[in-house]
């Protein structure tokens, strides 16, 4: 038994020495250095990585991000970000809806209602607060009962019937008691006939908050449709992704009519894109494709209808496409030009990725520096629960804050690459030497143990 323990201990020591040899990283190994300022109570500090800084990384998963103290010592750190796949856990629920009526001369005010509900808050009946005569009733909007949904609401999906096609615009309000209402912005759905095809938009994004009831009030009550279906998509708090961060406008190119391409600074997990629609009355059914590099075939990502139309003196704009977070470095937009196209010049494009937060444990004296930009280093981040013992939401909220100070300092890339390559070669030779000596030592020990005569009882 003691012989097995000795061998296991020696193997652990050899592995520890090897890992230590591979972890001697220096600020000079990285192409970009960003000074950090810290505030609040440490020793843990949380930094929201600006997208402009992230784009200096050489590895898509940010494995080449480090924090160093004034002595050039690497700090223990963790990366906090939600993967796009968490959205697969969302739940789609059919909800009941109730019409909201008001008098013809009171369409500017929210309709008053009387409700009857069950013991758990589920609505049974909704009626106007005052009796309306026949012919005075005007459909103002709809009340949705979300009381059975306990998770934050992410998306509203509607279906409806209407005498004519077009856009349906309405305000969205939320309440837990049907008395106090909070604005959740505006919604817009559409049903259009285009080139002998029907184009429909049923989904409306919600802010990811919980509410028992939603009130939809149409901007033009005379155009309020009759709902035939209402669904709400929800997600539990633990699966909510971090907020989106948007890039600066990115110029594209066009090699033929109706086809535009953009080159991203690096491979990124893109969640949304926003296409500039510079000309009023633009209407464009589009298909968006992406790929990691030029040698790979294009893969379809999504399709949709982009438009900028003038109605009643106001622009109605839909210029975003939602993706599922695939890693891409090139994007291609193909436009059905029967809608008039988007012009000969490629429009600018913005892309959005999930915000990434870095938490580091401050060891040694500051100032601290964020370093990134190496194609050779390996990931060194810890799980958040390992970096912060007894990690909890309260501890997260109490962490000190770190922020980027000034502009990033970019080293000479060729010098850094050569230095990193030479340093990597030295580390590689050292690592192989340590491993070889450890194996020889273990083999010698095992051989000596095998040559010993067995102990007589």
Protein backbone atom coordinates (compact mmCIF):
# COMPACT_ATOMS: atom_id res chain seq x y z
CA UNK A 1 0.00 0.00 0.00
CA UNK A 2 2.84 2.41 0.89
CA UNK A 3 4.51 1.65 -2.45
CA UNK A 4 1.33 2.76 -4.32
CA UNK A 5 1.10 5.95 -2.24
CA UNK A 6 4.74 6.78 -2.98
CA UNK A 7 4.24 6.29 -6.71
CA UNK A 8 1.05 8.40 -6.69
CA UNK A 9 2.78 11.16 -4.72
CA UNK A 10 5.71 11.21 -7.11
CA UNK A 11 3.35 11.39 -10.10
CA UNK A 12 1.48 14.33 -8.54
CA UNK A 13 4.77 16.15 -7.87
CA UNK A 14 5.91 15.60 -11.46
CA UNK A 15 2.59 16.87 -12.82
CA UNK A 16 2.72 19.90 -10.53
CA UNK A 17 6.23 20.76 -11.68
CA UNK A 18 5.16 20.41 -15.32
CA UNK A 19 2.12 22.64 -14.84
CA UNK A 20 4.23 25.21 -13.02
CA UNK A 21 6.74 25.29 -15.87
CA UNK A 22 3.98 25.94 -18.40
CA UNK A 23 2.35 28.71 -16.37
CA UNK A 24 5.26 31.21 -16.20
CA UNK A 25 3.61 33.81 -18.41
CA UNK A 26 4.77 37.41 -18.61
CA UNK A 27 3.08 40.59 -19.86
CA UNK A 28 5.49 40.59 -22.82
CA UNK A 29 3.83 37.38 -24.08
CA UNK A 30 0.72 39.40 -25.00
CA UNK A 31 0.28 41.93 -27.79
CA UNK A 32 -2.18 44.28 -26.06
CA UNK A 33 -2.02 45.86 -22.60
CA UNK A 34 -4.80 47.90 -21.01
CA UNK A 35 -4.33 49.77 -17.70
CA UNK A 36 -7.06 49.09 -15.13
CA UNK A 37 -8.36 51.24 -12.29
CA UNK A 38 -10.09 49.65 -9.29
CA UNK A 39 -12.62 50.95 -6.78
CA UNK A 40 -14.63 49.52 -3.93
CA UNK A 41 -13.72 46.80 -1.50
CA UNK A 42 -11.49 43.97 -2.75
CA UNK A 43 -9.80 41.63 -2.93
CA UNK A 44 -12.06 40.57 -5.83
CA UNK A 45 -12.76 43.04 -8.62
CA UNK A 46 -15.24 42.73 -11.47
CA UNK A 47 -14.52 44.15 -14.93
CA UNK A 48 -17.01 44.34 -17.80
CA UNK A 49 -14.84 43.78 -20.87
CA UNK A 50 -15.57 46.43 -23.51
CA UNK A 51 -16.13 44.93 -26.95
CA UNK A 52 -13.41 47.18 -28.39
CA UNK A 53 -10.94 45.56 -25.98
CA UNK A 54 -12.19 41.99 -26.61
CA UNK A 55 -11.52 42.42 -30.32
CA UNK A 56 -7.78 42.53 -29.55
CA UNK A 57 -7.87 38.89 -28.42
CA UNK A 58 -6.37 36.22 -30.67
CA UNK A 59 -8.63 33.40 -29.40
CA UNK A 60 -12.39 33.34 -29.82
CA UNK A 61 -13.07 31.99 -26.32
CA UNK A 62 -10.82 34.65 -24.71
CA UNK A 63 -8.35 32.03 -23.51
CA UNK A 64 -5.60 34.61 -24.02
CA UNK A 65 -6.93 37.11 -21.46
CA UNK A 66 -4.84 37.73 -18.32
CA UNK A 67 -4.50 40.28 -15.50
CA UNK A 68 -1.07 41.22 -14.15
CA UNK A 69 -0.03 43.26 -11.10
CA UNK A 70 2.74 45.87 -11.00
CA UNK A 71 5.38 43.15 -10.56
CA UNK A 72 4.19 41.33 -13.69
CA UNK A 73 2.60 38.47 -11.72
CA UNK A 74 -0.50 36.83 -13.21
CA UNK A 75 -3.67 37.10 -11.12
CA UNK A 76 -6.22 34.34 -10.59
CA UNK A 77 -9.38 35.15 -12.55
CA UNK A 78 -12.72 33.86 -13.81
CA UNK A 79 -14.84 34.73 -16.85
CA UNK A 80 -18.59 35.17 -16.36
CA UNK A 81 -20.73 34.95 -19.47
CA UNK A 82 -23.79 33.00 -20.53
CA UNK A 83 -23.64 30.82 -23.64
CA UNK A 84 -26.30 31.33 -26.29
CA UNK A 85 -27.42 27.69 -25.86
CA UNK A 86 -29.02 28.58 -22.50
CA UNK A 87 -31.96 29.94 -24.47
CA UNK A 88 -32.92 26.40 -25.42
CA UNK A 89 -34.31 26.06 -21.88
CA UNK A 90 -36.99 28.65 -22.50
CA UNK A 91 -40.65 27.69 -22.17
CA UNK A 92 -43.48 28.67 -24.53
CA UNK A 93 -46.88 29.07 -22.84
CA UNK A 94 -50.30 29.72 -24.35
CA UNK A 95 -52.07 32.44 -22.35
CA UNK A 96 -55.65 33.67 -22.13
CA UNK A 97 -56.49 37.09 -23.57
CA UNK A 98 -59.40 39.44 -22.91
CA UNK A 99 -60.58 42.38 -25.06
CA UNK A 100 -60.35 45.89 -23.62
CA UNK A 101 -63.16 48.19 -24.69
CA UNK A 102 -63.59 51.92 -24.26
CA UNK A 103 -65.99 54.53 -25.52
CA UNK A 104 -65.39 56.13 -28.90
CA UNK A 105 -64.58 59.52 -27.33
CA UNK A 106 -62.12 58.17 -24.77
CA UNK A 107 -59.61 56.34 -26.95
CA UNK A 108 -56.71 58.43 -25.61
CA UNK A 109 -57.10 56.97 -22.12
CA UNK A 110 -56.42 53.44 -20.97
CA UNK A 111 -59.74 51.62 -20.55
CA UNK A 112 -60.99 51.05 -17.02
CA UNK A 113 -61.86 47.44 -16.22
CA UNK A 114 -63.62 45.28 -13.66
CA UNK A 115 -62.15 41.81 -13.22
CA UNK A 116 -63.13 38.52 -11.73
CA UNK A 117 -60.25 36.24 -10.81
CA UNK A 118 -59.71 32.89 -9.13
CA UNK A 119 -57.93 32.38 -5.81
CA UNK A 120 -54.52 32.05 -7.49
CA UNK A 121 -54.95 35.28 -9.49
CA UNK A 122 -55.93 33.72 -12.81
CA UNK A 123 -58.40 35.95 -14.66
CA UNK A 124 -61.86 34.55 -15.25
CA UNK A 125 -63.67 37.58 -16.67
CA UNK A 126 -62.78 41.14 -17.71
CA UNK A 127 -65.46 43.80 -18.29
CA UNK A 128 -65.43 47.59 -18.86
CA UNK A 129 -65.64 49.56 -15.60
CA UNK A 130 -68.66 51.49 -16.93
CA UNK A 131 -71.59 50.22 -18.96
CA UNK A 132 -71.22 51.10 -22.64
CA UNK A 133 -74.20 51.43 -24.94
CA UNK A 134 -74.36 49.41 -28.14
CA UNK A 135 -72.33 51.15 -30.82
CA UNK A 136 -70.18 53.02 -28.28
CA UNK A 137 -67.77 50.15 -27.75
CA UNK A 138 -64.37 50.56 -29.39
CA UNK A 139 -61.78 47.80 -29.15
CA UNK A 140 -58.79 49.52 -27.56
CA UNK A 141 -56.50 46.55 -26.98
CA UNK A 142 -56.05 43.28 -25.15
CA UNK A 143 -55.24 42.07 -21.64
CA UNK A 144 -53.05 38.96 -21.36
CA UNK A 145 -53.12 36.75 -18.27
CA UNK A 146 -49.56 35.63 -17.46
CA UNK A 147 -50.24 34.82 -13.80
CA UNK A 148 -49.40 31.14 -14.28
CA UNK A 149 -45.88 31.97 -15.53
CA UNK A 150 -43.35 32.44 -12.73
CA UNK A 151 -40.21 33.02 -14.85
CA UNK A 152 -39.17 36.31 -16.54
CA UNK A 153 -40.90 36.97 -19.87
CA UNK A 154 -38.65 37.06 -22.94
CA UNK A 155 -40.90 37.19 -26.00
CA UNK A 156 -44.52 37.74 -27.02
CA UNK A 157 -45.92 35.81 -30.01
CA UNK A 158 -49.29 36.86 -31.46
CA UNK A 159 -51.61 35.72 -34.19
CA UNK A 160 -54.64 37.72 -35.32
CA UNK A 161 -57.28 38.37 -37.93
CA UNK A 162 -57.83 41.76 -39.53
CA UNK A 163 -59.80 43.21 -42.40
CA UNK A 164 -56.61 44.34 -44.11
CA UNK A 165 -52.93 43.53 -44.09
CA UNK A 166 -50.31 45.87 -42.71
CA UNK A 167 -48.47 46.76 -39.54
CA UNK A 168 -49.97 46.47 -36.07
CA UNK A 169 -48.34 48.84 -33.55
CA UNK A 170 -49.14 48.93 -29.85
CA UNK A 171 -47.74 49.83 -26.46
CA UNK A 172 -46.90 47.13 -23.91
CA UNK A 173 -47.51 47.61 -20.18
CA UNK A 174 -47.01 45.19 -17.29
CA UNK A 175 -48.67 44.87 -13.89
CA UNK A 176 -48.93 42.51 -10.95
CA UNK A 177 -52.16 43.95 -9.48
CA UNK A 178 -54.04 45.42 -12.48
CA UNK A 179 -53.82 48.83 -10.79
CA UNK A 180 -50.23 49.95 -11.26
CA UNK A 181 -48.78 49.64 -14.75
CA UNK A 182 -45.17 49.81 -15.92
CA UNK A 183 -44.25 50.63 -19.52
CA UNK A 184 -42.41 47.87 -21.40
CA UNK A 185 -42.03 49.90 -24.58
CA UNK A 186 -43.73 49.36 -27.93
CA UNK A 187 -44.49 46.29 -29.99
CA UNK A 188 -45.01 45.77 -33.67
CA UNK A 189 -46.25 42.82 -35.71
CA UNK A 190 -46.97 42.71 -39.41
CA UNK A 191 -48.71 40.78 -42.15
CA UNK A 192 -47.82 41.81 -45.69
CA UNK A 193 -48.31 40.47 -49.20
CA UNK A 194 -45.11 40.74 -51.21
CA UNK A 195 -44.52 39.45 -54.74
CA UNK A 196 -47.35 36.90 -54.48
CA UNK A 197 -45.96 35.75 -51.14
CA UNK A 198 -47.20 36.45 -47.62
CA UNK A 199 -44.62 37.82 -45.20
CA UNK A 200 -45.53 37.75 -41.50
CA UNK A 201 -43.88 38.97 -38.30
CA UNK A 202 -45.42 37.58 -35.12
CA UNK A 203 -42.71 37.97 -32.46
CA UNK A 204 -42.12 40.92 -30.13
CA UNK A 205 -39.17 41.06 -27.72
CA UNK A 206 -39.84 41.62 -24.00
CA UNK A 207 -37.36 42.96 -21.40
CA UNK A 208 -36.83 39.71 -19.47
CA UNK A 209 -38.81 40.72 -16.37
CA UNK A 210 -41.63 38.99 -14.52
CA UNK A 211 -45.23 40.21 -14.58
CA UNK A 212 -48.63 38.66 -13.88
CA UNK A 213 -50.50 40.66 -16.52
CA UNK A 214 -49.68 42.42 -19.81
CA UNK A 215 -51.77 45.15 -21.41
CA UNK A 216 -51.50 45.76 -25.16
CA UNK A 217 -53.01 49.09 -26.28
CA UNK A 218 -53.18 49.81 -30.02
CA UNK A 219 -51.90 53.18 -31.26
CA UNK A 220 -54.84 53.35 -33.68
CA UNK A 221 -57.84 51.74 -31.95
CA UNK A 222 -59.83 51.61 -35.18
CA UNK A 223 -57.15 49.24 -36.55
CA UNK A 224 -56.96 46.97 -33.51
CA UNK A 225 -57.19 43.37 -34.77
CA UNK A 226 -58.92 40.37 -33.28
CA UNK A 227 -56.44 38.09 -31.57
CA UNK A 228 -56.60 34.38 -32.32
CA UNK A 229 -53.54 33.26 -30.36
CA UNK A 230 -51.24 34.69 -27.68
CA UNK A 231 -48.10 32.97 -26.40
CA UNK A 232 -45.37 34.06 -24.01
CA UNK A 233 -41.84 32.70 -23.97
CA UNK A 234 -40.18 32.70 -20.55
CA UNK A 235 -36.86 31.64 -19.01
CA UNK A 236 -35.76 31.04 -15.44
CA UNK A 237 -33.32 33.57 -13.93
CA UNK A 238 -30.43 31.11 -13.92
CA UNK A 239 -30.58 30.76 -17.70
CA UNK A 240 -30.82 34.47 -18.51
CA UNK A 241 -27.84 35.58 -20.60
CA UNK A 242 -25.87 38.73 -19.88
CA UNK A 243 -26.85 41.89 -21.80
CA UNK A 244 -25.87 42.40 -25.42
CA UNK A 245 -23.06 44.77 -26.40
CA UNK A 246 -23.08 46.31 -29.87
CA UNK A 247 -20.16 46.96 -32.19
CA UNK A 248 -19.38 50.11 -34.11
CA UNK A 249 -20.73 50.22 -37.71
CA UNK A 250 -18.82 47.81 -39.95
CA UNK A 251 -18.30 48.57 -43.65
CA UNK A 252 -19.10 45.80 -46.12
CA UNK A 253 -18.54 44.99 -49.77
CA UNK A 254 -20.70 43.89 -52.68
CA UNK A 255 -19.48 41.65 -55.49
CA UNK A 256 -22.84 41.41 -57.26
CA UNK A 257 -26.29 42.95 -57.07
CA UNK A 258 -28.29 42.00 -54.01
CA UNK A 259 -25.39 40.27 -52.22
CA UNK A 260 -23.31 41.89 -49.47
CA UNK A 261 -20.50 40.56 -47.27
CA UNK A 262 -18.79 41.74 -44.09
CA UNK A 263 -15.52 40.65 -42.46
CA UNK A 264 -15.61 40.62 -38.64
CA UNK A 265 -12.42 41.43 -36.69
CA UNK A 266 -12.28 37.86 -35.34
CA UNK A 267 -14.48 34.80 -34.84
CA UNK A 268 -17.35 35.91 -32.58
CA UNK A 269 -20.51 34.35 -31.14
CA UNK A 270 -22.89 36.78 -32.83
CA UNK A 271 -26.40 37.05 -31.35
CA UNK A 272 -27.89 39.85 -33.47
CA UNK A 273 -27.08 42.01 -36.47
CA UNK A 274 -28.45 45.41 -37.40
CA UNK A 275 -28.40 46.48 -41.06
CA UNK A 276 -28.40 50.16 -41.95
CA UNK A 277 -31.44 51.14 -44.02
CA UNK A 278 -30.46 54.59 -45.27
CA UNK A 279 -33.24 55.02 -47.83
CA UNK A 280 -36.88 55.55 -46.77
CA UNK A 281 -39.46 53.08 -48.10
CA UNK A 282 -37.00 50.19 -48.28
CA UNK A 283 -38.44 46.66 -48.18
CA UNK A 284 -36.12 43.68 -48.37
CA UNK A 285 -36.72 39.97 -47.67
CA UNK A 286 -33.23 38.71 -46.81
CA UNK A 287 -31.24 35.58 -45.99
CA UNK A 288 -28.17 35.84 -43.76
CA UNK A 289 -25.35 33.27 -43.93
CA UNK A 290 -22.05 32.98 -42.07
CA UNK A 291 -18.80 31.06 -41.88
CA UNK A 292 -15.61 30.88 -39.82
CA UNK A 293 -13.16 31.39 -42.69
CA UNK A 294 -13.03 31.82 -46.46
CA UNK A 295 -12.17 28.16 -47.15
CA UNK A 296 -15.44 26.94 -45.59
CA UNK A 297 -18.86 26.92 -47.28
CA UNK A 298 -21.50 29.45 -46.25
CA UNK A 299 -24.01 28.19 -43.68
CA UNK A 300 -27.52 29.74 -43.53
CA UNK A 301 -28.07 31.48 -40.18
CA UNK A 302 -31.49 33.15 -40.43
CA UNK A 303 -33.89 34.93 -42.76
CA UNK A 304 -36.37 37.75 -42.31
CA UNK A 305 -37.91 40.93 -43.62
CA UNK A 306 -36.08 44.25 -43.26
CA UNK A 307 -37.98 47.46 -43.89
CA UNK A 308 -38.06 51.21 -43.38
CA UNK A 309 -41.48 52.50 -44.34
CA UNK A 310 -43.11 55.88 -43.83
CA UNK A 311 -46.58 55.77 -42.29
CA UNK A 312 -48.48 58.84 -41.06
CA UNK A 313 -45.31 60.90 -41.30
CA UNK A 314 -43.28 58.48 -39.15
CA UNK A 315 -40.69 55.88 -40.07
CA UNK A 316 -41.55 52.28 -39.19
CA UNK A 317 -38.23 50.41 -39.02
CA UNK A 318 -37.31 46.75 -38.69
CA UNK A 319 -33.58 46.41 -39.34
CA UNK A 320 -32.47 43.64 -36.94
CA UNK A 321 -31.99 39.90 -37.40
CA UNK A 322 -31.69 37.56 -34.44
CA UNK A 323 -29.15 34.70 -34.47
CA UNK A 324 -28.48 31.83 -32.08
CA UNK A 325 -24.91 32.70 -31.14
CA UNK A 326 -22.94 30.71 -33.73
CA UNK A 327 -19.25 31.55 -34.08
CA UNK A 328 -18.69 33.41 -37.36
CA UNK A 329 -16.08 35.72 -38.81
CA UNK A 330 -17.72 36.43 -42.15
CA UNK A 331 -21.35 37.33 -42.88
CA UNK A 332 -23.24 37.37 -46.18
CA UNK A 333 -26.64 38.96 -46.77
CA UNK A 334 -28.62 37.97 -49.88
CA UNK A 335 -31.52 40.30 -50.72
CA UNK A 336 -34.63 39.48 -52.74
CA UNK A 337 -34.49 42.45 -55.06
CA UNK A 338 -38.16 42.25 -55.99
CA UNK A 339 -38.61 44.63 -53.05
CA UNK A 340 -36.30 47.19 -54.64
CA UNK A 341 -33.06 46.04 -52.99
CA UNK A 342 -30.77 48.00 -50.67
CA UNK A 343 -28.68 49.78 -53.29
CA UNK A 344 -25.39 49.10 -55.06
CA UNK A 345 -23.22 50.03 -52.06
CA UNK A 346 -23.10 47.60 -49.17
CA UNK A 347 -24.90 48.99 -46.11
CA UNK A 348 -23.02 49.24 -42.83
CA UNK A 349 -23.71 46.52 -40.27
CA UNK A 350 -23.55 46.38 -36.49
CA UNK A 351 -23.25 43.07 -34.63
CA UNK A 352 -24.04 42.23 -31.01
CA UNK A 353 -22.42 39.67 -28.72
CA UNK A 354 -23.04 38.80 -25.10
CA UNK A 355 -21.33 40.93 -22.51
CA UNK A 356 -18.35 39.24 -20.80
CA UNK A 357 -17.33 40.01 -17.23
CA UNK A 358 -13.91 39.19 -15.79
CA UNK A 359 -13.42 38.78 -12.03
CA UNK A 360 -9.88 38.70 -10.65
CA UNK A 361 -8.38 38.20 -7.20
CA UNK A 362 -5.99 41.08 -6.55
CA UNK A 363 -2.65 39.75 -5.29
CA UNK A 364 0.36 42.00 -4.89
CA UNK A 365 0.54 45.73 -5.45
CA UNK A 366 -1.17 47.58 -8.27
CA UNK A 367 -1.60 49.14 -10.70
CA UNK A 368 -3.14 46.20 -12.54
CA UNK A 369 -3.04 45.61 -16.27
CA UNK A 370 -5.31 43.61 -18.54
CA UNK A 371 -3.31 41.73 -21.17
CA UNK A 372 -4.59 39.86 -24.21
CA UNK A 373 -3.51 38.92 -27.70
CA UNK A 374 -1.65 35.60 -27.85
CA UNK A 375 -2.33 32.68 -30.16
CA UNK A 376 -0.28 30.20 -28.12
CA UNK A 377 -1.25 30.49 -24.44
CA UNK A 378 -3.86 28.18 -22.99
CA UNK A 379 -6.93 29.02 -20.92
CA UNK A 380 -6.13 29.77 -17.28
CA UNK A 381 -9.48 30.96 -15.94
CA UNK A 382 -11.06 29.30 -12.89
CA UNK A 383 -14.74 28.59 -12.24
CA UNK A 384 -16.34 31.52 -10.44
CA UNK A 385 -17.28 29.29 -7.49
CA UNK A 386 -13.62 28.28 -7.12
CA UNK A 387 -12.28 31.81 -7.36
CA UNK A 388 -14.80 33.11 -4.78
CA UNK A 389 -15.45 30.62 -1.92
CA UNK A 390 -19.11 30.49 -0.86
CA UNK A 391 -20.02 32.39 -4.01
CA UNK A 392 -23.53 33.87 -4.01
CA UNK A 393 -25.55 36.59 -5.73
CA UNK A 394 -24.98 38.84 -2.71
CA UNK A 395 -21.20 38.40 -2.98
CA UNK A 396 -21.36 39.13 -6.69
CA UNK A 397 -23.19 42.40 -6.05
CA UNK A 398 -20.64 43.42 -3.41
CA UNK A 399 -17.54 42.87 -5.55
CA UNK A 400 -15.20 45.78 -6.16
CA UNK A 401 -15.29 47.35 -9.61
CA UNK A 402 -12.51 47.52 -12.18
CA UNK A 403 -12.64 49.63 -15.30
CA UNK A 404 -10.52 50.23 -18.39
CA UNK A 405 -8.31 53.30 -17.99
CA UNK A 406 -7.42 55.13 -21.17
CA UNK A 407 -6.64 53.49 -24.50
CA UNK A 408 -5.21 50.04 -25.09
CA UNK A 409 -1.46 49.87 -25.69
CA UNK A 410 -0.69 47.53 -28.59
CA UNK A 411 2.83 46.13 -28.73
CA UNK A 412 4.76 45.52 -31.93
CA UNK A 413 3.09 42.34 -33.16
CA UNK A 414 6.14 40.86 -34.88
CA UNK A 415 8.34 41.40 -31.80
CA UNK A 416 5.74 39.95 -29.48
CA UNK A 417 5.17 36.99 -31.77
CA UNK A 418 8.91 36.25 -31.99
CA UNK A 419 9.38 36.64 -28.23
CA UNK A 420 6.34 34.48 -27.50
CA UNK A 421 7.54 31.85 -29.98
CA UNK A 422 11.04 31.75 -28.43
CA UNK A 423 9.62 31.67 -24.93
CA UNK A 424 7.17 28.94 -25.92
CA UNK A 425 10.01 26.85 -27.38
CA UNK A 426 12.00 27.23 -24.14
CA UNK A 427 8.96 26.25 -22.08
CA UNK A 428 8.30 23.31 -24.37
CA UNK A 429 11.86 21.99 -24.04
CA UNK A 430 11.82 22.53 -20.29
CA UNK A 431 8.48 20.78 -19.94
CA UNK A 432 9.59 17.78 -21.97
CA UNK A 433 12.81 17.64 -19.94
CA UNK A 434 10.91 17.62 -16.64
CA UNK A 435 8.49 14.98 -17.89
CA UNK A 436 11.34 12.80 -19.20
CA UNK A 437 13.27 13.01 -15.93
CA UNK A 438 10.09 12.21 -13.97
CA UNK A 439 9.38 9.15 -16.10
CA UNK A 440 12.99 7.92 -15.76
CA UNK A 441 12.89 8.45 -12.01
CA UNK A 442 9.58 6.61 -11.68
CA UNK A 443 10.86 3.77 -13.85
CA UNK A 444 14.02 3.45 -11.74
CA UNK A 445 11.98 3.38 -8.53
CA UNK A 446 9.60 0.82 -9.91
CA UNK A 447 12.53 -1.33 -11.11
CA UNK A 448 14.22 -1.17 -7.68
CA UNK A 449 10.99 -2.09 -5.93
CA UNK A 450 10.46 -5.04 -8.22
CA UNK A 451 14.01 -6.32 -7.56
CA UNK A 452 13.52 -6.34 -3.79
CA UNK A 453 12.84 -9.83 -2.42
CA UNK A 454 9.35 -10.22 -1.00
CA UNK A 455 9.08 -9.69 2.75
CA UNK A 456 8.70 -13.06 4.54
CA UNK A 457 5.82 -13.22 6.98
